[in-house]
Amino acid sequence: MTNEGQASGGESPRSVEDEVDVVAEDTKKTAKGGKDKKKGSFWKELPVLVVVALLLALFIKTFIVQAFYIPSESMENTLLKNDRVLVNKLVYHVRDIERGDVVVFSGVDSWDGEVQIEEPSNPFAAFFHWVGTAFGVVPGEKDYIKRVIGVPGDVVKCCDAKDRVTVNGVAIDERQYLYPHDLPSQKPFEVKVPPGRLWVMGDHRGVSLDSREHMGDPGGGTIPIDKVIGRAFVIVWPFSRATILPIPDTFSQPALNAAAAVGGATPLLAGFAGAVPLVLWRRRRRARR
């Protein structure tokens, strides 16, 4: 009776297989809907991620470290054309620029570019050129990379009897980094580095348009310290040339700093030497009175 009533009065019961199929179908729909939702969410978030990444990269490039492209042969064989280096922008906030440092500096309103770069033809090209420069993919027309030879107060001269550059009368051995068979300088010079400025030279002296080629400019070929962007400390591209850029051993000679200290003290000593006779003369004059 009970079975007959259920059979005649209601719908036929679903089989277990049918219920499993329905659940599986619902699961597929839910999964598909979730995937579509995630896909849509990703494309909406992508522009935000790109902007954040660019802002972060810009912050790092502006304040911490920046990649630079080597556009010429002026620093061979230390740096080759098309190398990429990383430049530390923080280091000179904690220490002074030292002789032997390889520095990147801006030549805006001073030196002409060693490599002439065609100006972008439209705003889009200008934007991508700026991005490429910021990430070291293309060279900056007014950015230079040279080695510091003289710091403020130094007397840099070339050459001594053995054709060596001297700093404060102390010869420096440049064989560690000078381009093979290059002379330290093809023309003689002598300069005292003014306060707040640097004397810089390329390692490939035969082709480098460095301080020697700008001796007729304001500053006598030296560059302002405040135009230094940072210190190049490592080659990052190509990978086969990846290496750090240390300060050569010759610049660690204690005599360099000792000579600079004596040179800096000379005006003070001369002042005392001139003042002593004057004081003695005044005392004698007073005694006579």
C-alpha atoms as a PDB file:
ATOM      1  CA  MET A   1       0.000   0.000   0.000  1.00  0.00           C
ATOM      2  CA  THR A   2       2.601   2.442   0.976  1.00  0.00           C
ATOM      3  CA  ASN A   3       4.743   1.729  -2.074  1.00  0.00           C
ATOM      4  CA  GLU A   4       1.711   1.936  -4.369  1.00  0.00           C
ATOM      5  CA  GLY A   5       0.674   5.308  -2.910  1.00  0.00           C
ATOM      6  CA  GLN A   6       4.125   6.759  -3.297  1.00  0.00           C
ATOM      7  CA  ALA A   7       4.345   5.510  -6.847  1.00  0.00           C
ATOM      8  CA  SER A   8       0.938   6.843  -7.899  1.00  0.00           C
ATOM      9  CA  GLY A   9       0.835  10.087  -5.905  1.00  0.00           C
ATOM     10  CA  GLY A  10       4.308  11.609  -6.492  1.00  0.00           C
ATOM     11  CA  GLU A  11       7.049  12.008  -9.032  1.00  0.00           C
ATOM     12  CA  SER A  12       9.387   9.171  -9.754  1.00  0.00           C
ATOM     13  CA  PRO A  13      12.439   9.379  -7.496  1.00  0.00           C
ATOM     14  CA  ARG A  14      15.778  10.585  -8.964  1.00  0.00           C
ATOM     15  CA  SER A  15      18.492   8.065  -9.294  1.00  0.00           C
ATOM     16  CA  VAL A  16      21.811   8.586  -7.492  1.00  0.00           C
ATOM     17  CA  GLU A  17      23.574   8.875 -10.852  1.00  0.00           C
ATOM     18  CA  ASP A  18      21.331  11.777 -11.899  1.00  0.00           C
ATOM     19  CA  GLU A  19      22.080  13.669  -8.701  1.00  0.00           C
ATOM     20  CA  VAL A  20      25.823  13.179  -9.160  1.00  0.00           C
ATOM     21  CA  ASP A  21      25.599  14.539 -12.739  1.00  0.00           C
ATOM     22  CA  VAL A  22      23.713  17.630 -11.543  1.00  0.00           C
ATOM     23  CA  VAL A  23      26.256  18.332  -8.802  1.00  0.00           C
ATOM     24  CA  ALA A  24      29.142  17.888 -11.266  1.00  0.00           C
ATOM     25  CA  GLU A  25      27.499  20.262 -13.745  1.00  0.00           C
ATOM     26  CA  ASP A  26      26.974  22.899 -11.037  1.00  0.00           C
ATOM     27  CA  THR A  27      30.581  22.519  -9.956  1.00  0.00           C
ATOM     28  CA  LYS A  28      31.794  23.051 -13.529  1.00  0.00           C
ATOM     29  CA  LYS A  29      29.661  26.167 -13.883  1.00  0.00           C
ATOM     30  CA  THR A  30      30.923  27.519 -10.579  1.00  0.00           C
ATOM     31  CA  ALA A  31      34.531  26.806 -11.491  1.00  0.00           C
ATOM     32  CA  LYS A  32      34.113  28.399 -14.914  1.00  0.00           C
ATOM     33  CA  GLY A  33      32.486  31.451 -13.394  1.00  0.00           C
ATOM     34  CA  GLY A  34      35.316  31.724 -10.861  1.00  0.00           C
ATOM     35  CA  LYS A  35      37.930  31.528 -13.600  1.00  0.00           C
ATOM     36  CA  ASP A  36      36.187  34.203 -15.647  1.00  0.00           C
ATOM     37  CA  LYS A  37      35.967  36.382 -12.560  1.00  0.00           C
ATOM     38  CA  LYS A  38      39.680  35.913 -11.805  1.00  0.00           C
ATOM     39  CA  LYS A  39      40.544  36.653 -15.430  1.00  0.00           C
ATOM     40  CA  GLY A  40      38.567  39.873 -15.352  1.00  0.00           C
ATOM     41  CA  SER A  41      40.078  40.837 -12.023  1.00  0.00           C
ATOM     42  CA  PHE A  42      43.626  40.257 -13.330  1.00  0.00           C
ATOM     43  CA  TRP A  43      43.150  42.507 -16.363  1.00  0.00           C
ATOM     44  CA  LYS A  44      41.667  45.208 -14.155  1.00  0.00           C
ATOM     45  CA  GLU A  45      44.603  45.008 -11.733  1.00  0.00           C
ATOM     46  CA  LEU A  46      47.304  44.838 -14.429  1.00  0.00           C
ATOM     47  CA  PRO A  47      47.462  48.619 -15.106  1.00  0.00           C
ATOM     48  CA  VAL A  48      47.763  49.263 -11.366  1.00  0.00           C
ATOM     49  CA  LEU A  49      50.583  46.721 -11.080  1.00  0.00           C
ATOM     50  CA  VAL A  50      52.396  48.311 -14.026  1.00  0.00           C
ATOM     51  CA  VAL A  51      52.091  51.807 -12.550  1.00  0.00           C
ATOM     52  CA  VAL A  52      53.278  50.638  -9.110  1.00  0.00           C
ATOM     53  CA  ALA A  53      56.230  48.791 -10.682  1.00  0.00           C
ATOM     54  CA  LEU A  54      57.213  51.892 -12.681  1.00  0.00           C
ATOM     55  CA  LEU A  55      56.941  54.148  -9.634  1.00  0.00           C
ATOM     56  CA  LEU A  56      59.029  51.742  -7.562  1.00  0.00           C
ATOM     57  CA  ALA A  57      61.637  51.495 -10.328  1.00  0.00           C
ATOM     58  CA  LEU A  58      61.680  55.284 -10.644  1.00  0.00           C
ATOM     59  CA  PHE A  59      62.221  55.657  -6.898  1.00  0.00           C
ATOM     60  CA  ILE A  60      65.094  53.148  -6.922  1.00  0.00           C
ATOM     61  CA  LYS A  61      66.616  54.788 -10.015  1.00  0.00           C
ATOM     62  CA  THR A  62      66.362  58.285  -8.551  1.00  0.00           C
ATOM     63  CA  PHE A  63      67.687  57.649  -5.059  1.00  0.00           C
ATOM     64  CA  ILE A  64      69.452  54.274  -4.778  1.00  0.00           C
ATOM     65  CA  VAL A  65      70.917  52.602  -7.866  1.00  0.00           C
ATOM     66  CA  GLN A  66      70.674  53.134 -11.605  1.00  0.00           C
ATOM     67  CA  ALA A  67      71.796  51.223 -14.669  1.00  0.00           C
ATOM     68  CA  PHE A  68      73.882  53.042 -17.277  1.00  0.00           C
ATOM     69  CA  TYR A  69      74.734  52.161 -20.856  1.00  0.00           C
ATOM     70  CA  ILE A  70      78.344  52.580 -22.035  1.00  0.00           C
ATOM     71  CA  PRO A  71      78.150  54.316 -25.444  1.00  0.00           C
ATOM     72  CA  SER A  72      81.828  54.742 -26.364  1.00  0.00           C
ATOM     73  CA  GLU A  73      85.343  53.282 -26.153  1.00  0.00           C
ATOM     74  CA  SER A  74      86.665  55.953 -23.756  1.00  0.00           C
ATOM     75  CA  MET A  75      86.918  53.580 -20.762  1.00  0.00           C
ATOM     76  CA  GLU A  76      88.312  50.501 -22.522  1.00  0.00           C
ATOM     77  CA  ASN A  77      89.368  47.945 -21.483  1.00  0.00           C
ATOM     78  CA  THR A  78      87.805  48.488 -18.081  1.00  0.00           C
ATOM     79  CA  LEU A  79      84.443  49.106 -19.732  1.00  0.00           C
ATOM     80  CA  LEU A  80      83.604  48.143 -23.300  1.00  0.00           C
ATOM     81  CA  LYS A  81      81.116  49.781 -25.623  1.00  0.00           C
ATOM     82  CA  ASN A  82      77.561  48.452 -24.976  1.00  0.00           C
ATOM     83  CA  ASP A  83      78.400  47.300 -21.428  1.00  0.00           C
ATOM     84  CA  ARG A  84      75.824  48.066 -18.726  1.00  0.00           C
ATOM     85  CA  VAL A  85      76.939  49.145 -15.272  1.00  0.00           C
ATOM     86  CA  LEU A  86      75.124  49.776 -12.008  1.00  0.00           C
ATOM     87  CA  VAL A  87      75.742  53.112 -10.326  1.00  0.00           C
ATOM     88  CA  ASN A  88      75.461  53.538  -6.559  1.00  0.00           C
ATOM     89  CA  LYS A  89      73.773  56.868  -5.780  1.00  0.00           C
ATOM     90  CA  LEU A  90      73.985  56.583  -2.001  1.00  0.00           C
ATOM     91  CA  VAL A  91      77.707  55.998  -1.507  1.00  0.00           C
ATOM     92  CA  TYR A  92      78.739  59.654  -1.653  1.00  0.00           C
ATOM     93  CA  HIS A  93      76.262  60.523   1.076  1.00  0.00           C
ATOM     94  CA  VAL A  94      78.371  58.462   3.487  1.00  0.00           C
ATOM     95  CA  ARG A  95      81.900  59.047   2.131  1.00  0.00           C
ATOM     96  CA  ASP A  96      83.794  61.469  -0.079  1.00  0.00           C
ATOM     97  CA  ILE A  97      84.647  60.773  -3.695  1.00  0.00           C
ATOM     98  CA  GLU A  98      88.042  59.062  -3.830  1.00  0.00           C
ATOM     99  CA  ARG A  99      90.817  58.975  -6.396  1.00  0.00           C
ATOM    100  CA  GLY A 100      90.393  55.909  -8.588  1.00  0.00           C
ATOM    101  CA  ASP A 101      86.578  55.855  -8.376  1.00  0.00           C
ATOM    102  CA  VAL A 102      84.767  55.335 -11.683  1.00  0.00           C
ATOM    103  CA  VAL A 103      82.000  57.929 -11.624  1.00  0.00           C
ATOM    104  CA  VAL A 104      79.032  58.834 -13.787  1.00  0.00           C
ATOM    105  CA  PHE A 105      78.319  62.550 -13.992  1.00  0.00           C
ATOM    106  CA  SER A 106      76.109  64.922 -15.905  1.00  0.00           C
ATOM    107  CA  GLY A 107      77.688  67.208 -18.485  1.00  0.00           C
ATOM    108  CA  VAL A 108      74.591  69.391 -18.901  1.00  0.00           C
ATOM    109  CA  ASP A 109      75.546  73.009 -19.637  1.00  0.00           C
ATOM    110  CA  SER A 110      79.253  72.118 -19.709  1.00  0.00           C
ATOM    111  CA  TRP A 111      80.791  69.339 -21.822  1.00  0.00           C
ATOM    112  CA  ASP A 112      79.525  68.385 -25.255  1.00  0.00           C
ATOM    113  CA  GLY A 113      78.379  64.798 -25.607  1.00  0.00           C
ATOM    114  CA  GLU A 114      80.999  62.255 -26.714  1.00  0.00           C
ATOM    115  CA  VAL A 115      78.274  60.457 -28.654  1.00  0.00           C
ATOM    116  CA  GLN A 116      75.706  62.449 -30.631  1.00  0.00           C
ATOM    117  CA  ILE A 117      72.220  60.993 -30.140  1.00  0.00           C
ATOM    118  CA  GLU A 118      69.311  61.902 -32.378  1.00  0.00           C
ATOM    119  CA  GLU A 119      66.508  63.688 -30.553  1.00  0.00           C
ATOM    120  CA  PRO A 120      63.188  61.743 -30.332  1.00  0.00           C
ATOM    121  CA  SER A 121      60.801  62.851 -33.070  1.00  0.00           C
ATOM    122  CA  ASN A 122      57.570  62.772 -31.036  1.00  0.00           C
ATOM    123  CA  PRO A 123      56.350  62.615 -27.395  1.00  0.00           C
ATOM    124  CA  PHE A 124      55.883  58.832 -27.487  1.00  0.00           C
ATOM    125  CA  ALA A 125      59.427  58.271 -28.733  1.00  0.00           C
ATOM    126  CA  ALA A 126      60.696  60.750 -26.134  1.00  0.00           C
ATOM    127  CA  PHE A 127      58.901  58.840 -23.360  1.00  0.00           C
ATOM    128  CA  PHE A 128      60.344  55.475 -24.403  1.00  0.00           C
ATOM    129  CA  HIS A 129      63.787  57.043 -24.803  1.00  0.00           C
ATOM    130  CA  TRP A 130      63.505  58.380 -21.248  1.00  0.00           C
ATOM    131  CA  VAL A 131      62.469  54.940 -19.958  1.00  0.00           C
ATOM    132  CA  GLY A 132      65.319  53.308 -21.875  1.00  0.00           C
ATOM    133  CA  THR A 133      67.817  55.784 -20.417  1.00  0.00           C
ATOM    134  CA  ALA A 134      66.457  55.273 -16.901  1.00  0.00           C
ATOM    135  CA  PHE A 135      66.949  51.513 -17.151  1.00  0.00           C
ATOM    136  CA  GLY A 136      70.305  51.639 -18.930  1.00  0.00           C
ATOM    137  CA  VAL A 137      68.980  50.272 -22.226  1.00  0.00           C
ATOM    138  CA  VAL A 138      70.008  53.341 -24.258  1.00  0.00           C
ATOM    139  CA  PRO A 139      72.731  55.919 -23.541  1.00  0.00           C
ATOM    140  CA  GLY A 140      72.102  59.368 -22.133  1.00  0.00           C
ATOM    141  CA  GLU A 141      73.579  62.081 -24.347  1.00  0.00           C
ATOM    142  CA  LYS A 142      74.857  64.204 -21.459  1.00  0.00           C
ATOM    143  CA  ASP A 143      75.968  61.440 -19.095  1.00  0.00           C
ATOM    144  CA  TYR A 144      79.685  60.670 -18.867  1.00  0.00           C
ATOM    145  CA  ILE A 145      81.667  57.938 -17.170  1.00  0.00           C
ATOM    146  CA  LYS A 146      85.321  58.558 -16.232  1.00  0.00           C
ATOM    147  CA  ARG A 147      87.890  57.721 -13.566  1.00  0.00           C
ATOM    148  CA  VAL A 148      88.661  60.254 -10.846  1.00  0.00           C
ATOM    149  CA  ILE A 149      92.370  61.116 -10.862  1.00  0.00           C
ATOM    150  CA  GLY A 150      92.406  64.293  -8.755  1.00  0.00           C
ATOM    151  CA  VAL A 151      90.193  65.527  -5.907  1.00  0.00           C
ATOM    152  CA  PRO A 152      89.961  69.088  -4.527  1.00  0.00           C
ATOM    153  CA  GLY A 153      93.387  70.498  -3.664  1.00  0.00           C
ATOM    154  CA  ASP A 154      95.348  67.934  -5.713  1.00  0.00           C
ATOM    155  CA  VAL A 155      97.994  68.956  -8.230  1.00  0.00           C
ATOM    156  CA  VAL A 156      97.732  66.617 -11.201  1.00  0.00           C
ATOM    157  CA  LYS A 157     100.591  66.655 -13.696  1.00  0.00           C
ATOM    158  CA  CYS A 158     101.802  64.748 -16.725  1.00  0.00           C
ATOM    159  CA  CYS A 159     104.266  63.546 -17.195  1.00  0.00           C
ATOM    160  CA  ASP A 160     107.331  62.758 -15.099  1.00  0.00           C
ATOM    161  CA  ALA A 161     110.661  61.424 -16.422  1.00  0.00           C
ATOM    162  CA  LYS A 162     109.095  57.946 -16.751  1.00  0.00           C
ATOM    163  CA  ASP A 163     105.984  59.205 -18.590  1.00  0.00           C
ATOM    164  CA  ARG A 164     103.727  58.756 -15.555  1.00  0.00           C
ATOM    165  CA  VAL A 165     100.914  60.934 -14.256  1.00  0.00           C
ATOM    166  CA  THR A 166     101.724  62.390 -10.852  1.00  0.00           C
ATOM    167  CA  VAL A 167      99.311  63.486  -8.160  1.00  0.00           C
ATOM    168  CA  ASN A 168     100.804  65.850  -5.566  1.00  0.00           C
ATOM    169  CA  GLY A 169     104.228  64.875  -6.868  1.00  0.00           C
ATOM    170  CA  VAL A 170     103.568  61.131  -6.371  1.00  0.00           C
ATOM    171  CA  ALA A 171     103.613  58.943  -9.485  1.00  0.00           C
ATOM    172  CA  ILE A 172     100.643  56.627 -10.006  1.00  0.00           C
ATOM    173  CA  ASP A 173     101.051  53.243 -11.710  1.00  0.00           C
ATOM    174  CA  GLU A 174      98.196  53.020 -14.213  1.00  0.00           C
ATOM    175  CA  ARG A 175      99.128  49.736 -15.850  1.00  0.00           C
ATOM    176  CA  GLN A 176      96.303  47.991 -13.947  1.00  0.00           C
ATOM    177  CA  TYR A 177      93.606  49.819 -15.902  1.00  0.00           C
ATOM    178  CA  LEU A 178      95.190  51.856 -18.729  1.00  0.00           C
ATOM    179  CA  TYR A 179      94.358  50.709 -22.270  1.00  0.00           C
ATOM    180  CA  PRO A 180      97.231  48.560 -23.651  1.00  0.00           C
ATOM    181  CA  HIS A 181     100.007  50.608 -25.292  1.00  0.00           C
ATOM    182  CA  ASP A 182      98.291  53.930 -24.449  1.00  0.00           C
ATOM    183  CA  LEU A 183     100.425  56.716 -23.050  1.00  0.00           C
ATOM    184  CA  PRO A 184      99.104  58.259 -19.819  1.00  0.00           C
ATOM    185  CA  SER A 185      98.668  61.440 -21.879  1.00  0.00           C
ATOM    186  CA  GLN A 186      99.694  62.488 -25.362  1.00  0.00           C
ATOM    187  CA  LYS A 187     100.077  66.104 -24.248  1.00  0.00           C
ATOM    188  CA  PRO A 188     101.592  67.572 -21.079  1.00  0.00           C
ATOM    189  CA  PHE A 189      99.430  69.322 -18.497  1.00  0.00           C
ATOM    190  CA  GLU A 190      99.512  70.536 -14.932  1.00  0.00           C
ATOM    191  CA  VAL A 191      96.464  71.607 -12.982  1.00  0.00           C
ATOM    192  CA  LYS A 192      95.516  72.270  -9.389  1.00  0.00           C
ATOM    193  CA  VAL A 193      92.002  70.962  -8.731  1.00  0.00           C
ATOM    194  CA  PRO A 194      89.815  73.775  -7.329  1.00  0.00           C
ATOM    195  CA  PRO A 195      87.538  73.278  -4.295  1.00  0.00           C
ATOM    196  CA  GLY A 196      84.318  71.433  -5.106  1.00  0.00           C
ATOM    197  CA  ARG A 197      85.662  69.982  -8.362  1.00  0.00           C
ATOM    198  CA  LEU A 198      87.343  66.832  -9.764  1.00  0.00           C
ATOM    199  CA  TRP A 199      89.895  65.995 -12.448  1.00  0.00           C
ATOM    200  CA  VAL A 200      88.691  62.964 -14.428  1.00  0.00           C
ATOM    201  CA  MET A 201      90.210  60.880 -17.227  1.00  0.00           C
ATOM    202  CA  GLY A 202      89.166  57.924 -19.355  1.00  0.00           C
ATOM    203  CA  ASP A 203      91.124  54.673 -19.216  1.00  0.00           C
ATOM    204  CA  HIS A 204      91.517  54.698 -23.016  1.00  0.00           C
ATOM    205  CA  ARG A 205      93.534  57.912 -23.120  1.00  0.00           C
ATOM    206  CA  GLY A 206      93.978  57.885 -26.891  1.00  0.00           C
ATOM    207  CA  VAL A 207      90.250  58.432 -27.575  1.00  0.00           C
ATOM    208  CA  SER A 208      88.834  59.815 -24.321  1.00  0.00           C
ATOM    209  CA  LEU A 209      87.484  63.382 -24.403  1.00  0.00           C
ATOM    210  CA  ASP A 210      88.137  63.940 -20.712  1.00  0.00           C
ATOM    211  CA  SER A 211      89.368  66.781 -18.495  1.00  0.00           C
ATOM    212  CA  ARG A 212      92.435  67.260 -20.722  1.00  0.00           C
ATOM    213  CA  GLU A 213      90.234  68.192 -23.685  1.00  0.00           C
ATOM    214  CA  HIS A 214      88.287  70.787 -21.672  1.00  0.00           C
ATOM    215  CA  MET A 215      91.107  72.776 -20.119  1.00  0.00           C
ATOM    216  CA  GLY A 216      89.909  75.860 -21.979  1.00  0.00           C
ATOM    217  CA  ASP A 217      86.431  75.597 -20.441  1.00  0.00           C
ATOM    218  CA  PRO A 218      85.349  77.207 -17.166  1.00  0.00           C
ATOM    219  CA  GLY A 219      86.912  75.162 -14.366  1.00  0.00           C
ATOM    220  CA  GLY A 220      90.003  74.345 -16.434  1.00  0.00           C
ATOM    221  CA  GLY A 221      88.727  70.910 -17.411  1.00  0.00           C
ATOM    222  CA  THR A 222      87.573  69.915 -13.923  1.00  0.00           C
ATOM    223  CA  ILE A 223      83.971  68.914 -13.255  1.00  0.00           C
ATOM    224  CA  PRO A 224      81.701  70.040 -10.388  1.00  0.00           C
ATOM    225  CA  ILE A 225      81.284  67.478  -7.620  1.00  0.00           C
ATOM    226  CA  ASP A 226      77.572  68.290  -7.452  1.00  0.00           C
ATOM    227  CA  LYS A 227      77.188  66.984 -11.039  1.00  0.00           C
ATOM    228  CA  VAL A 228      78.335  63.492 -10.015  1.00  0.00           C
ATOM    229  CA  ILE A 229      75.418  61.039 -10.205  1.00  0.00           C
ATOM    230  CA  GLY A 230      77.159  58.169  -8.439  1.00  0.00           C
ATOM    231  CA  ARG A 231      79.879  55.542  -8.471  1.00  0.00           C
ATOM    232  CA  ALA A 232      79.872  52.724 -11.035  1.00  0.00           C
ATOM    233  CA  PHE A 233      80.568  49.641  -8.952  1.00  0.00           C
ATOM    234  CA  VAL A 234      79.671  46.603 -11.081  1.00  0.00           C
ATOM    235  CA  ILE A 235      79.282  45.495 -14.706  1.00  0.00           C
ATOM    236  CA  VAL A 236      75.973  43.656 -15.057  1.00  0.00           C
ATOM    237  CA  TRP A 237      75.762  43.103 -18.814  1.00  0.00           C
ATOM    238  CA  PRO A 238      76.826  41.108 -20.703  1.00  0.00           C
ATOM    239  CA  PHE A 239      76.851  38.323 -18.123  1.00  0.00           C
ATOM    240  CA  SER A 240      80.172  37.024 -19.442  1.00  0.00           C
ATOM    241  CA  ARG A 241      81.813  40.290 -18.280  1.00  0.00           C
ATOM    242  CA  ALA A 242      79.997  40.679 -14.977  1.00  0.00           C
ATOM    243  CA  THR A 243      82.469  41.898 -12.363  1.00  0.00           C
ATOM    244  CA  ILE A 244      82.935  44.534  -9.685  1.00  0.00           C
ATOM    245  CA  LEU A 245      84.874  47.746 -10.351  1.00  0.00           C
ATOM    246  CA  PRO A 246      87.347  48.199  -7.474  1.00  0.00           C
ATOM    247  CA  ILE A 247      89.635  51.160  -6.808  1.00  0.00           C
ATOM    248  CA  PRO A 248      93.089  50.302  -8.252  1.00  0.00           C
ATOM    249  CA  ASP A 249      95.847  49.643  -5.725  1.00  0.00           C
ATOM    250  CA  THR A 250      97.994  52.562  -6.855  1.00  0.00           C
ATOM    251  CA  PHE A 251      95.514  55.053  -5.357  1.00  0.00           C
ATOM    252  CA  SER A 252      95.981  53.580  -1.886  1.00  0.00           C
ATOM    253  CA  GLN A 253      99.516  55.009  -1.615  1.00  0.00           C
ATOM    254  CA  PRO A 254      99.704  56.881   1.712  1.00  0.00           C
ATOM    255  CA  ALA A 255     102.050  59.399   0.095  1.00  0.00           C
ATOM    256  CA  LEU A 256      99.191  60.735  -2.041  1.00  0.00           C
ATOM    257  CA  ASN A 257      97.240  61.920   0.989  1.00  0.00           C
ATOM    258  CA  ALA A 258     100.356  62.962   2.874  1.00  0.00           C
ATOM    259  CA  ALA A 259     101.420  65.148  -0.028  1.00  0.00           C
ATOM    260  CA  ALA A 260      97.931  66.612  -0.289  1.00  0.00           C
ATOM    261  CA  ALA A 261      97.923  67.375   3.445  1.00  0.00           C
ATOM    262  CA  VAL A 262     101.289  69.132   3.175  1.00  0.00           C
ATOM    263  CA  GLY A 263     100.091  71.020   0.124  1.00  0.00           C
ATOM    264  CA  GLY A 264      96.942  72.090   1.955  1.00  0.00           C
ATOM    265  CA  ALA A 265      98.977  73.194   4.981  1.00  0.00           C
ATOM    266  CA  THR A 266     101.481  75.216   2.932  1.00  0.00           C
ATOM    267  CA  PRO A 267      99.376  78.430   2.748  1.00  0.00           C
ATOM    268  CA  LEU A 268      98.788  78.254   6.507  1.00  0.00           C
ATOM    269  CA  LEU A 269     102.504  77.779   7.233  1.00  0.00           C
ATOM    270  CA  ALA A 270     103.372  80.623   4.888  1.00  0.00           C
ATOM    271  CA  GLY A 271     100.892  82.802   6.721  1.00  0.00           C
ATOM    272  CA  PHE A 272     102.523  82.057  10.065  1.00  0.00           C
ATOM    273  CA  ALA A 273     105.979  82.632   8.569  1.00  0.00           C
ATOM    274  CA  GLY A 274     104.910  86.048   7.361  1.00  0.00           C
ATOM    275  CA  ALA A 275     103.141  86.973  10.579  1.00  0.00           C
ATOM    276  CA  VAL A 276     106.047  86.236  12.978  1.00  0.00           C
ATOM    277  CA  PRO A 277     108.400  88.978  11.688  1.00  0.00           C
ATOM    278  CA  LEU A 278     105.527  91.449  11.707  1.00  0.00           C
ATOM    279  CA  VAL A 279     104.703  90.719  15.366  1.00  0.00           C
ATOM    280  CA  LEU A 280     108.375  91.009  16.378  1.00  0.00           C
ATOM    281  CA  TRP A 281     108.698  94.333  14.532  1.00  0.00           C
ATOM    282  CA  ARG A 282     105.626  95.730  16.320  1.00  0.00           C
ATOM    283  CA  ARG A 283     106.978  94.647  19.713  1.00  0.00           C
ATOM    284  CA  ARG A 284     110.314  96.345  19.092  1.00  0.00           C
ATOM    285  CA  ARG A 285     108.568  99.501  17.998  1.00  0.00           C
ATOM    286  CA  ARG A 286     106.463  99.568  21.172  1.00  0.00           C
ATOM    287  CA  ALA A 287     109.544  98.938  23.332  1.00  0.00           C
ATOM    288  CA  ARG A 288     111.309 101.927  21.800  1.00  0.00           C
ATOM    289  CA  ARG A 289     108.357 104.123  22.540  1.00  0.00           C
END
